[in-house]
Amino acid sequence: MYCTPTHLAAAKLARELAQVATPERHRIVADDLMEATLRDEDRSQFDPDEILVADEALAVISTALVDADGVIDGYLVMRKPVAYKVPLNPVPGIVSTWARWIARYLLHKDRVNTQERTDPVVRDYQQAIKFLELTRDGKFSLGVDDPLPPAGGGAPEWCAPERQFSGRTLRDYGE
């Protein structure tokens, strides 16, 4: 996975994820339980029924993360001129960020009464897709291990009309 539940916890998203991923038939998972679930920490102090609901929420989150990976891989295998071998290993940090942004967007897909132009979840998703398109088109590098040839490599090429003036054509105007 390009982004793991632990990455989501580190990004301080436990409350948000509990709100969007808890199945509707249940009360929203408590923040501390969601945090422990995302980090795969000990949850023995919580009610077993609440732990089951948190696990259901984690399953929803994991599905969104897998779907985000699929979106990213779909762009990267179309890379021009050299496609990436997916899944990426090691994973560049920017790819983890894109996976987080895409997964959040997928988890928020059922929200209502939001304005797309001012919504940070939509903005981040659109930014991720924009950079994936640039990467696919060979216009954005994922770092030093990028298989693209370095920019400016090779000898310069010239395209110009044939020379009009030379020493031979100007000899009558000499000294």
C-alpha atoms as a PDB file:
ATOM      1  CA  MET A   1       0.000   0.000   0.000  1.00  0.00           C
ATOM      2  CA  TYR A   2       1.199   3.491  -0.807  1.00  0.00           C
ATOM      3  CA  CYS A   3      -0.595   4.856   2.240  1.00  0.00           C
ATOM      4  CA  THR A   4      -1.354   2.759   5.312  1.00  0.00           C
ATOM      5  CA  PRO A   5      -3.841   3.243   8.130  1.00  0.00           C
ATOM      6  CA  THR A   6      -0.851   4.198  10.304  1.00  0.00           C
ATOM      7  CA  HIS A   7      -0.037   7.010   7.851  1.00  0.00           C
ATOM      8  CA  LEU A   8      -3.625   8.221   8.198  1.00  0.00           C
ATOM      9  CA  ALA A   9      -3.342   8.212  11.984  1.00  0.00           C
ATOM     10  CA  ALA A  10      -0.079  10.145  11.779  1.00  0.00           C
ATOM     11  CA  ALA A  11      -1.872  12.739   9.622  1.00  0.00           C
ATOM     12  CA  LYS A  12      -4.352  13.278  12.498  1.00  0.00           C
ATOM     13  CA  LEU A  13      -7.309  11.905  10.541  1.00  0.00           C
ATOM     14  CA  ALA A  14      -8.769   9.493  13.137  1.00  0.00           C
ATOM     15  CA  ARG A  15     -11.840  11.622  13.920  1.00  0.00           C
ATOM     16  CA  GLU A  16     -12.574  12.407  10.284  1.00  0.00           C
ATOM     17  CA  LEU A  17     -12.179   8.783   9.252  1.00  0.00           C
ATOM     18  CA  ALA A  18     -14.396   7.567  12.085  1.00  0.00           C
ATOM     19  CA  GLN A  19     -17.099   9.953  10.899  1.00  0.00           C
ATOM     20  CA  VAL A  20     -16.996   8.897   7.246  1.00  0.00           C
ATOM     21  CA  ALA A  21     -16.184   5.203   7.576  1.00  0.00           C
ATOM     22  CA  THR A  22     -18.363   4.032  10.461  1.00  0.00           C
ATOM     23  CA  PRO A  23     -21.321   2.115   9.013  1.00  0.00           C
ATOM     24  CA  GLU A  24     -24.508   4.180   9.264  1.00  0.00           C
ATOM     25  CA  ARG A  25     -26.313   1.680  11.457  1.00  0.00           C
ATOM     26  CA  HIS A  26     -23.752   2.242  14.265  1.00  0.00           C
ATOM     27  CA  ARG A  27     -22.735   5.098  16.513  1.00  0.00           C
ATOM     28  CA  ILE A  28     -19.560   6.810  15.243  1.00  0.00           C
ATOM     29  CA  VAL A  29     -16.418   5.150  16.551  1.00  0.00           C
ATOM     30  CA  ALA A  30     -14.753   7.065  19.391  1.00  0.00           C
ATOM     31  CA  ASP A  31     -11.647   9.011  18.385  1.00  0.00           C
ATOM     32  CA  ASP A  32      -9.278   7.127  20.696  1.00  0.00           C
ATOM     33  CA  LEU A  33     -10.584   3.749  19.524  1.00  0.00           C
ATOM     34  CA  MET A  34     -10.254   4.780  15.871  1.00  0.00           C
ATOM     35  CA  GLU A  35      -6.716   6.004  16.536  1.00  0.00           C
ATOM     36  CA  ALA A  36      -5.763   2.702  18.195  1.00  0.00           C
ATOM     37  CA  THR A  37      -7.387   0.753  15.351  1.00  0.00           C
ATOM     38  CA  LEU A  38      -5.522   2.717  12.675  1.00  0.00           C
ATOM     39  CA  ARG A  39      -2.230   2.241  14.509  1.00  0.00           C
ATOM     40  CA  ASP A  40      -2.922  -1.456  15.237  1.00  0.00           C
ATOM     41  CA  GLU A  41      -2.412  -0.832  18.949  1.00  0.00           C
ATOM     42  CA  ASP A  42      -3.853  -2.633  21.975  1.00  0.00           C
ATOM     43  CA  ARG A  43      -7.622  -2.104  22.226  1.00  0.00           C
ATOM     44  CA  SER A  44      -8.388  -4.374  25.168  1.00  0.00           C
ATOM     45  CA  GLN A  45      -9.733  -1.491  27.276  1.00  0.00           C
ATOM     46  CA  PHE A  46     -12.579  -0.908  24.770  1.00  0.00           C
ATOM     47  CA  ASP A  47     -15.935  -2.658  24.574  1.00  0.00           C
ATOM     48  CA  PRO A  48     -15.768  -5.687  22.226  1.00  0.00           C
ATOM     49  CA  ASP A  49     -18.875  -4.517  20.299  1.00  0.00           C
ATOM     50  CA  GLU A  50     -17.247  -1.108  19.713  1.00  0.00           C
ATOM     51  CA  ILE A  51     -14.082  -2.840  18.525  1.00  0.00           C
ATOM     52  CA  LEU A  52     -16.132  -4.753  15.925  1.00  0.00           C
ATOM     53  CA  VAL A  53     -17.590  -1.462  14.644  1.00  0.00           C
ATOM     54  CA  ALA A  54     -14.079   0.042  14.501  1.00  0.00           C
ATOM     55  CA  ASP A  55     -12.935  -2.984  12.511  1.00  0.00           C
ATOM     56  CA  GLU A  56     -15.808  -2.464  10.063  1.00  0.00           C
ATOM     57  CA  ALA A  57     -14.748   1.164   9.674  1.00  0.00           C
ATOM     58  CA  LEU A  58     -11.145   0.050   9.108  1.00  0.00           C
ATOM     59  CA  ALA A  59     -12.348  -2.315   6.368  1.00  0.00           C
ATOM     60  CA  VAL A  60     -14.045   0.627   4.613  1.00  0.00           C
ATOM     61  CA  ILE A  61     -10.868   2.707   4.968  1.00  0.00           C
ATOM     62  CA  SER A  62      -8.685  -0.136   3.685  1.00  0.00           C
ATOM     63  CA  THR A  63     -10.897  -0.501   0.618  1.00  0.00           C
ATOM     64  CA  ALA A  64     -10.476   3.207  -0.133  1.00  0.00           C
ATOM     65  CA  LEU A  65      -6.697   2.882   0.253  1.00  0.00           C
ATOM     66  CA  VAL A  66      -6.594  -0.086  -2.144  1.00  0.00           C
ATOM     67  CA  ASP A  67      -8.740   1.851  -4.640  1.00  0.00           C
ATOM     68  CA  ALA A  68      -6.405   4.854  -4.335  1.00  0.00           C
ATOM     69  CA  ASP A  69      -3.444   2.586  -5.093  1.00  0.00           C
ATOM     70  CA  GLY A  70      -5.260   1.354  -8.191  1.00  0.00           C
ATOM     71  CA  VAL A  71      -5.824   4.908  -9.427  1.00  0.00           C
ATOM     72  CA  ILE A  72      -2.161   5.765  -8.901  1.00  0.00           C
ATOM     73  CA  ASP A  73      -0.905   2.579 -10.556  1.00  0.00           C
ATOM     74  CA  GLY A  74      -3.227   3.217 -13.504  1.00  0.00           C
ATOM     75  CA  TYR A  75      -1.506   6.526 -14.188  1.00  0.00           C
ATOM     76  CA  LEU A  76       2.035   5.310 -13.539  1.00  0.00           C
ATOM     77  CA  VAL A  77       1.888   2.321 -15.900  1.00  0.00           C
ATOM     78  CA  MET A  78       0.927   4.743 -18.686  1.00  0.00           C
ATOM     79  CA  ARG A  79       4.086   6.809 -18.074  1.00  0.00           C
ATOM     80  CA  LYS A  80       5.727   8.155 -21.230  1.00  0.00           C
ATOM     81  CA  PRO A  81       8.340   7.386 -22.438  1.00  0.00           C
ATOM     82  CA  VAL A  82       9.206   4.889 -19.673  1.00  0.00           C
ATOM     83  CA  ALA A  83       6.414   3.286 -17.640  1.00  0.00           C
ATOM     84  CA  TYR A  84       6.918   2.648 -13.950  1.00  0.00           C
ATOM     85  CA  LYS A  85       6.940  -0.888 -12.635  1.00  0.00           C
ATOM     86  CA  VAL A  86       4.061  -0.917 -10.177  1.00  0.00           C
ATOM     87  CA  PRO A  87       3.564  -1.122  -7.329  1.00  0.00           C
ATOM     88  CA  LEU A  88       6.408   1.251  -6.570  1.00  0.00           C
ATOM     89  CA  ASN A  89       9.007   0.024  -4.125  1.00  0.00           C
ATOM     90  CA  PRO A  90      10.312   2.034  -2.387  1.00  0.00           C
ATOM     91  CA  VAL A  91       7.356   4.401  -2.300  1.00  0.00           C
ATOM     92  CA  PRO A  92       8.222   8.079  -2.791  1.00  0.00           C
ATOM     93  CA  GLY A  93       6.714  10.260  -0.076  1.00  0.00           C
ATOM     94  CA  ILE A  94       4.712  12.271  -2.596  1.00  0.00           C
ATOM     95  CA  VAL A  95       2.970   9.095  -3.791  1.00  0.00           C
ATOM     96  CA  SER A  96       1.910   8.328  -0.209  1.00  0.00           C
ATOM     97  CA  THR A  97       0.465  11.827   0.020  1.00  0.00           C
ATOM     98  CA  TRP A  98      -1.437  11.378  -3.244  1.00  0.00           C
ATOM     99  CA  ALA A  99      -2.812   8.050  -2.007  1.00  0.00           C
ATOM    100  CA  ARG A 100      -4.020   9.718   1.198  1.00  0.00           C
ATOM    101  CA  TRP A 101      -5.690  12.533  -0.743  1.00  0.00           C
ATOM    102  CA  ILE A 102      -7.407  10.136  -3.145  1.00  0.00           C
ATOM    103  CA  ALA A 103      -8.553   7.788  -0.373  1.00  0.00           C
ATOM    104  CA  ARG A 104     -10.016  10.700   1.610  1.00  0.00           C
ATOM    105  CA  TYR A 105     -11.910  11.813  -1.466  1.00  0.00           C
ATOM    106  CA  LEU A 106     -13.281   8.316  -2.029  1.00  0.00           C
ATOM    107  CA  LEU A 107     -14.382   8.099   1.603  1.00  0.00           C
ATOM    108  CA  HIS A 108     -16.148  11.478   1.385  1.00  0.00           C
ATOM    109  CA  LYS A 109     -17.991  10.721  -1.845  1.00  0.00           C
ATOM    110  CA  ASP A 110     -21.431  10.761  -0.208  1.00  0.00           C
ATOM    111  CA  ARG A 111     -21.141  14.179   1.440  1.00  0.00           C
ATOM    112  CA  VAL A 112     -23.785  16.769   0.684  1.00  0.00           C
ATOM    113  CA  ASN A 113     -23.954  20.540   1.074  1.00  0.00           C
ATOM    114  CA  THR A 114     -20.304  21.143   0.255  1.00  0.00           C
ATOM    115  CA  GLN A 115     -18.932  23.519  -2.325  1.00  0.00           C
ATOM    116  CA  GLU A 116     -16.339  21.841  -4.513  1.00  0.00           C
ATOM    117  CA  ARG A 117     -14.352  25.009  -5.138  1.00  0.00           C
ATOM    118  CA  THR A 118     -13.718  25.583  -1.417  1.00  0.00           C
ATOM    119  CA  ASP A 119     -13.617  21.986  -0.171  1.00  0.00           C
ATOM    120  CA  PRO A 120     -10.066  20.955   0.850  1.00  0.00           C
ATOM    121  CA  VAL A 121     -10.812  17.255   0.252  1.00  0.00           C
ATOM    122  CA  VAL A 122     -11.836  17.956  -3.347  1.00  0.00           C
ATOM    123  CA  ARG A 123      -8.926  20.387  -3.831  1.00  0.00           C
ATOM    124  CA  ASP A 124      -6.403  17.798  -2.628  1.00  0.00           C
ATOM    125  CA  TYR A 125      -7.932  15.093  -4.837  1.00  0.00           C
ATOM    126  CA  GLN A 126      -7.796  17.343  -7.893  1.00  0.00           C
ATOM    127  CA  GLN A 127      -4.170  18.215  -7.104  1.00  0.00           C
ATOM    128  CA  ALA A 128      -3.275  14.520  -6.832  1.00  0.00           C
ATOM    129  CA  ILE A 129      -4.893  13.772 -10.192  1.00  0.00           C
ATOM    130  CA  LYS A 130      -3.167  16.779 -11.786  1.00  0.00           C
ATOM    131  CA  PHE A 131       0.252  15.596 -10.597  1.00  0.00           C
ATOM    132  CA  LEU A 132      -0.488  12.020 -11.646  1.00  0.00           C
ATOM    133  CA  GLU A 133      -1.338  13.292 -15.136  1.00  0.00           C
ATOM    134  CA  LEU A 134       1.911  15.289 -15.242  1.00  0.00           C
ATOM    135  CA  THR A 135       3.832  12.218 -14.059  1.00  0.00           C
ATOM    136  CA  ARG A 136       2.107  10.036 -16.653  1.00  0.00           C
ATOM    137  CA  ASP A 137       3.068  12.542 -19.371  1.00  0.00           C
ATOM    138  CA  GLY A 138       6.719  12.624 -18.250  1.00  0.00           C
ATOM    139  CA  LYS A 139       6.510  16.231 -17.026  1.00  0.00           C
ATOM    140  CA  PHE A 140       6.858  15.540 -13.283  1.00  0.00           C
ATOM    141  CA  SER A 141       9.605  13.478 -11.705  1.00  0.00           C
ATOM    142  CA  LEU A 142       9.151  11.230  -8.687  1.00  0.00           C
ATOM    143  CA  GLY A 143      12.768  11.756  -7.635  1.00  0.00           C
ATOM    144  CA  VAL A 144      16.305  10.593  -8.198  1.00  0.00           C
ATOM    145  CA  ASP A 145      15.355   7.039  -9.127  1.00  0.00           C
ATOM    146  CA  ASP A 146      13.018   8.244 -11.860  1.00  0.00           C
ATOM    147  CA  PRO A 147      13.581   6.250 -15.084  1.00  0.00           C
ATOM    148  CA  LEU A 148      13.223   9.348 -17.298  1.00  0.00           C
ATOM    149  CA  PRO A 149      16.365  10.560 -19.053  1.00  0.00           C
ATOM    150  CA  PRO A 150      17.717  13.781 -17.537  1.00  0.00           C
ATOM    151  CA  ALA A 151      16.434  16.990 -19.096  1.00  0.00           C
ATOM    152  CA  GLY A 152      18.849  18.629 -21.493  1.00  0.00           C
ATOM    153  CA  GLY A 153      20.840  15.486 -22.206  1.00  0.00           C
ATOM    154  CA  GLY A 154      22.526  15.148 -25.592  1.00  0.00           C
ATOM    155  CA  ALA A 155      23.965  17.551 -28.138  1.00  0.00           C
ATOM    156  CA  PRO A 156      22.062  20.692 -29.113  1.00  0.00           C
ATOM    157  CA  GLU A 157      20.168  20.700 -32.368  1.00  0.00           C
ATOM    158  CA  TRP A 158      19.794  23.700 -34.671  1.00  0.00           C
ATOM    159  CA  CYS A 159      17.070  24.533 -37.043  1.00  0.00           C
ATOM    160  CA  ALA A 160      17.778  27.656 -39.083  1.00  0.00           C
ATOM    161  CA  PRO A 161      17.741  28.815 -42.693  1.00  0.00           C
ATOM    162  CA  GLU A 162      20.904  28.521 -44.751  1.00  0.00           C
ATOM    163  CA  ARG A 163      23.544  31.178 -44.110  1.00  0.00           C
ATOM    164  CA  GLN A 164      23.039  34.359 -46.185  1.00  0.00           C
ATOM    165  CA  PHE A 165      26.324  36.160 -45.567  1.00  0.00           C
ATOM    166  CA  SER A 166      29.798  34.685 -45.561  1.00  0.00           C
ATOM    167  CA  GLY A 167      33.364  35.835 -46.193  1.00  0.00           C
ATOM    168  CA  ARG A 168      32.905  34.960 -49.890  1.00  0.00           C
ATOM    169  CA  THR A 169      29.676  36.943 -50.389  1.00  0.00           C
ATOM    170  CA  LEU A 170      31.031  39.979 -48.514  1.00  0.00           C
ATOM    171  CA  ARG A 171      34.527  40.175 -50.110  1.00  0.00           C
ATOM    172  CA  ASP A 172      33.517  43.012 -52.434  1.00  0.00           C
ATOM    173  CA  TYR A 173      32.640  45.147 -49.387  1.00  0.00           C
ATOM    174  CA  GLY A 174      35.974  44.580 -47.738  1.00  0.00           C
ATOM    175  CA  GLU A 175      38.609  47.002 -46.685  1.00  0.00           C
END
